[in-house]
C-alpha atoms as a PDB file:
ATOM      1  CA  UNK A   1      -0.010  -0.244   0.136  1.00  0.00           C
ATOM      2  CA  UNK A   2       2.904   2.460  -1.216  1.00  0.00           C
ATOM      3  CA  UNK A   3       2.999   4.416   2.330  1.00  0.00           C
ATOM      4  CA  UNK A   4      -0.785   5.715   2.381  1.00  0.00           C
ATOM      5  CA  UNK A   5      -2.663   5.332   5.287  1.00  0.00           C
ATOM      6  CA  UNK A   6      -5.281   2.388   5.354  1.00  0.00           C
ATOM      7  CA  UNK A   7      -8.211   4.960   6.395  1.00  0.00           C
ATOM      8  CA  UNK A   8      -8.020   6.696   3.389  1.00  0.00           C
ATOM      9  CA  UNK A   9      -8.829   3.374   1.800  1.00  0.00           C
ATOM     10  CA  UNK A  10     -12.074   3.200   4.146  1.00  0.00           C
ATOM     11  CA  UNK A  11     -12.981   6.063   3.817  1.00  0.00           C
ATOM     12  CA  UNK A  12     -12.818   6.019  -0.171  1.00  0.00           C
ATOM     13  CA  UNK A  13     -15.166   2.511   0.314  1.00  0.00           C
ATOM     14  CA  UNK A  14     -17.700   4.053   2.711  1.00  0.00           C
ATOM     15  CA  UNK A  15     -17.868   7.391   0.616  1.00  0.00           C
ATOM     16  CA  UNK A  16     -18.723   4.769  -2.365  1.00  0.00           C
ATOM     17  CA  UNK A  17     -21.294   2.901  -0.548  1.00  0.00           C
ATOM     18  CA  UNK A  18     -23.244   6.189   0.466  1.00  0.00           C
ATOM     19  CA  UNK A  19     -23.089   7.276  -3.222  1.00  0.00           C
ATOM     20  CA  UNK A  20     -24.384   3.907  -4.603  1.00  0.00           C
ATOM     21  CA  UNK A  21     -26.999   3.771  -1.591  1.00  0.00           C
ATOM     22  CA  UNK A  22     -28.174   7.234  -2.416  1.00  0.00           C
ATOM     23  CA  UNK A  23     -28.227   6.863  -6.222  1.00  0.00           C
ATOM     24  CA  UNK A  24     -30.353   3.716  -5.451  1.00  0.00           C
ATOM     25  CA  UNK A  25     -33.280   5.346  -3.328  1.00  0.00           C
ATOM     26  CA  UNK A  26     -32.922   8.533  -5.151  1.00  0.00           C
ATOM     27  CA  UNK A  27     -36.742   8.114  -6.526  1.00  0.00           C
ATOM     28  CA  UNK A  28     -38.174   7.088  -3.202  1.00  0.00           C
ATOM     29  CA  UNK A  29     -36.236  10.029  -1.774  1.00  0.00           C
ATOM     30  CA  UNK A  30     -37.691  12.691  -3.613  1.00  0.00           C
ATOM     31  CA  UNK A  31     -41.441  11.212  -3.363  1.00  0.00           C
ATOM     32  CA  UNK A  32     -41.286  11.308   0.184  1.00  0.00           C
ATOM     33  CA  UNK A  33     -39.971  14.482  -0.064  1.00  0.00           C
ATOM     34  CA  UNK A  34     -42.635  16.058  -2.361  1.00  0.00           C
ATOM     35  CA  UNK A  35     -45.002  14.533   0.300  1.00  0.00           C
ATOM     36  CA  UNK A  36     -43.826  16.152   2.879  1.00  0.00           C
ATOM     37  CA  UNK A  37     -43.503  19.788   1.084  1.00  0.00           C
ATOM     38  CA  UNK A  38     -47.060  18.755  -0.381  1.00  0.00           C
ATOM     39  CA  UNK A  39     -48.413  18.396   3.559  1.00  0.00           C
ATOM     40  CA  UNK A  40     -46.595  21.177   4.560  1.00  0.00           C
ATOM     41  CA  UNK A  41     -47.732  23.680   2.510  1.00  0.00           C
ATOM     42  CA  UNK A  42     -51.489  22.704   2.449  1.00  0.00           C
ATOM     43  CA  UNK A  43     -51.433  22.286   6.518  1.00  0.00           C
ATOM     44  CA  UNK A  44     -49.448  25.439   7.254  1.00  0.00           C
ATOM     45  CA  UNK A  45     -51.782  27.254   4.604  1.00  0.00           C
ATOM     46  CA  UNK A  46     -55.177  26.095   6.301  1.00  0.00           C
ATOM     47  CA  UNK A  47     -53.628  27.279   9.479  1.00  0.00           C
ATOM     48  CA  UNK A  48     -52.490  30.768   8.233  1.00  0.00           C
ATOM     49  CA  UNK A  49     -55.534  31.946   6.048  1.00  0.00           C
ATOM     50  CA  UNK A  50     -58.640  29.530   7.222  1.00  0.00           C
ATOM     51  CA  UNK A  51     -57.734  30.002  10.838  1.00  0.00           C
ATOM     52  CA  UNK A  52     -55.987  33.362  10.577  1.00  0.00           C
ATOM     53  CA  UNK A  53     -52.853  32.659  12.756  1.00  0.00           C
ATOM     54  CA  UNK A  54     -50.059  34.105  12.720  1.00  0.00           C
ATOM     55  CA  UNK A  55     -47.037  32.175  10.540  1.00  0.00           C
ATOM     56  CA  UNK A  56     -45.219  32.168  13.478  1.00  0.00           C
ATOM     57  CA  UNK A  57     -47.880  30.241  15.516  1.00  0.00           C
ATOM     58  CA  UNK A  58     -48.600  28.072  12.374  1.00  0.00           C
ATOM     59  CA  UNK A  59     -44.905  26.889  11.886  1.00  0.00           C
ATOM     60  CA  UNK A  60     -45.733  25.261  15.581  1.00  0.00           C
ATOM     61  CA  UNK A  61     -47.968  22.910  13.965  1.00  0.00           C
ATOM     62  CA  UNK A  62     -45.440  21.107  11.501  1.00  0.00           C
ATOM     63  CA  UNK A  63     -45.337  17.008  12.432  1.00  0.00           C
ATOM     64  CA  UNK A  64     -42.229  15.655  13.873  1.00  0.00           C
ATOM     65  CA  UNK A  65     -39.921  14.522  11.090  1.00  0.00           C
ATOM     66  CA  UNK A  66     -40.356  17.568   8.945  1.00  0.00           C
ATOM     67  CA  UNK A  67     -37.583  19.554  10.257  1.00  0.00           C
ATOM     68  CA  UNK A  68     -35.895  19.759   6.669  1.00  0.00           C
ATOM     69  CA  UNK A  69     -39.149  21.202   5.094  1.00  0.00           C
ATOM     70  CA  UNK A  70     -38.749  25.257   4.947  1.00  0.00           C
ATOM     71  CA  UNK A  71     -42.322  27.581   4.669  1.00  0.00           C
ATOM     72  CA  UNK A  72     -42.437  30.850   3.209  1.00  0.00           C
ATOM     73  CA  UNK A  73     -45.474  33.039   3.188  1.00  0.00           C
ATOM     74  CA  UNK A  74     -46.866  35.158   0.632  1.00  0.00           C
ATOM     75  CA  UNK A  75     -49.547  37.361   1.506  1.00  0.00           C
ATOM     76  CA  UNK A  76     -50.479  39.090  -1.843  1.00  0.00           C
ATOM     77  CA  UNK A  77     -50.945  36.003  -3.176  1.00  0.00           C
ATOM     78  CA  UNK A  78     -52.488  34.253   0.054  1.00  0.00           C
ATOM     79  CA  UNK A  79     -49.813  31.377  -0.672  1.00  0.00           C
ATOM     80  CA  UNK A  80     -47.252  28.987   1.445  1.00  0.00           C
ATOM     81  CA  UNK A  81     -44.423  27.253  -0.412  1.00  0.00           C
ATOM     82  CA  UNK A  82     -42.810  24.559   1.588  1.00  0.00           C
ATOM     83  CA  UNK A  83     -39.882  22.976  -0.123  1.00  0.00           C
ATOM     84  CA  UNK A  84     -37.238  20.445   0.859  1.00  0.00           C
ATOM     85  CA  UNK A  85     -33.999  21.433  -0.130  1.00  0.00           C
ATOM     86  CA  UNK A  86     -32.708  20.108  -3.564  1.00  0.00           C
ATOM     87  CA  UNK A  87     -35.807  17.360  -3.706  1.00  0.00           C
ATOM     88  CA  UNK A  88     -39.039  19.127  -3.983  1.00  0.00           C
ATOM     89  CA  UNK A  89     -41.157  22.224  -3.383  1.00  0.00           C
ATOM     90  CA  UNK A  90     -45.048  22.627  -3.795  1.00  0.00           C
ATOM     91  CA  UNK A  91     -47.208  25.581  -3.034  1.00  0.00           C
ATOM     92  CA  UNK A  92     -50.349  25.807  -1.540  1.00  0.00           C
ATOM     93  CA  UNK A  93     -53.167  28.750  -2.127  1.00  0.00           C
ATOM     94  CA  UNK A  94     -55.773  29.886  -0.483  1.00  0.00           C
ATOM     95  CA  UNK A  95     -59.197  29.984  -2.564  1.00  0.00           C
ATOM     96  CA  UNK A  96     -62.340  31.506  -1.106  1.00  0.00           C
ATOM     97  CA  UNK A  97     -64.890  28.668  -0.927  1.00  0.00           C
ATOM     98  CA  UNK A  98     -62.332  25.967  -1.521  1.00  0.00           C
ATOM     99  CA  UNK A  99     -59.798  26.572   1.064  1.00  0.00           C
ATOM    100  CA  UNK A 100     -55.985  25.871   0.856  1.00  0.00           C
ATOM    101  CA  UNK A 101     -55.519  23.915  -2.439  1.00  0.00           C
ATOM    102  CA  UNK A 102     -52.053  22.716  -3.915  1.00  0.00           C
ATOM    103  CA  UNK A 103     -51.024  24.099  -7.292  1.00  0.00           C
ATOM    104  CA  UNK A 104     -50.581  21.377 -10.074  1.00  0.00           C
ATOM    105  CA  UNK A 105     -47.488  19.725  -9.932  1.00  0.00           C
ATOM    106  CA  UNK A 106     -45.442  21.001 -13.205  1.00  0.00           C
END
């Protein structure tokens, strides 16, 4: 082993295994992220525009495990954007008489 420490080879093997695992599960990860973003957008939109609560109050309604879902409020269009970085984003808009509905997936 030409003088290189064995830990470098072990680190390279672990990195390769993680890359293969990520590639193998990419479709599932994206689908789960899309569900989480859609759920977050819809629930927080209802909290904000149907119940009339503040955004800070509504952030407390996120379910356990939704720490990666980031939320942003657009009061002009009465919508909530939710996203999971690099994986998915969804928008829910308030519509009079209908409540909060998710925008179609593009």
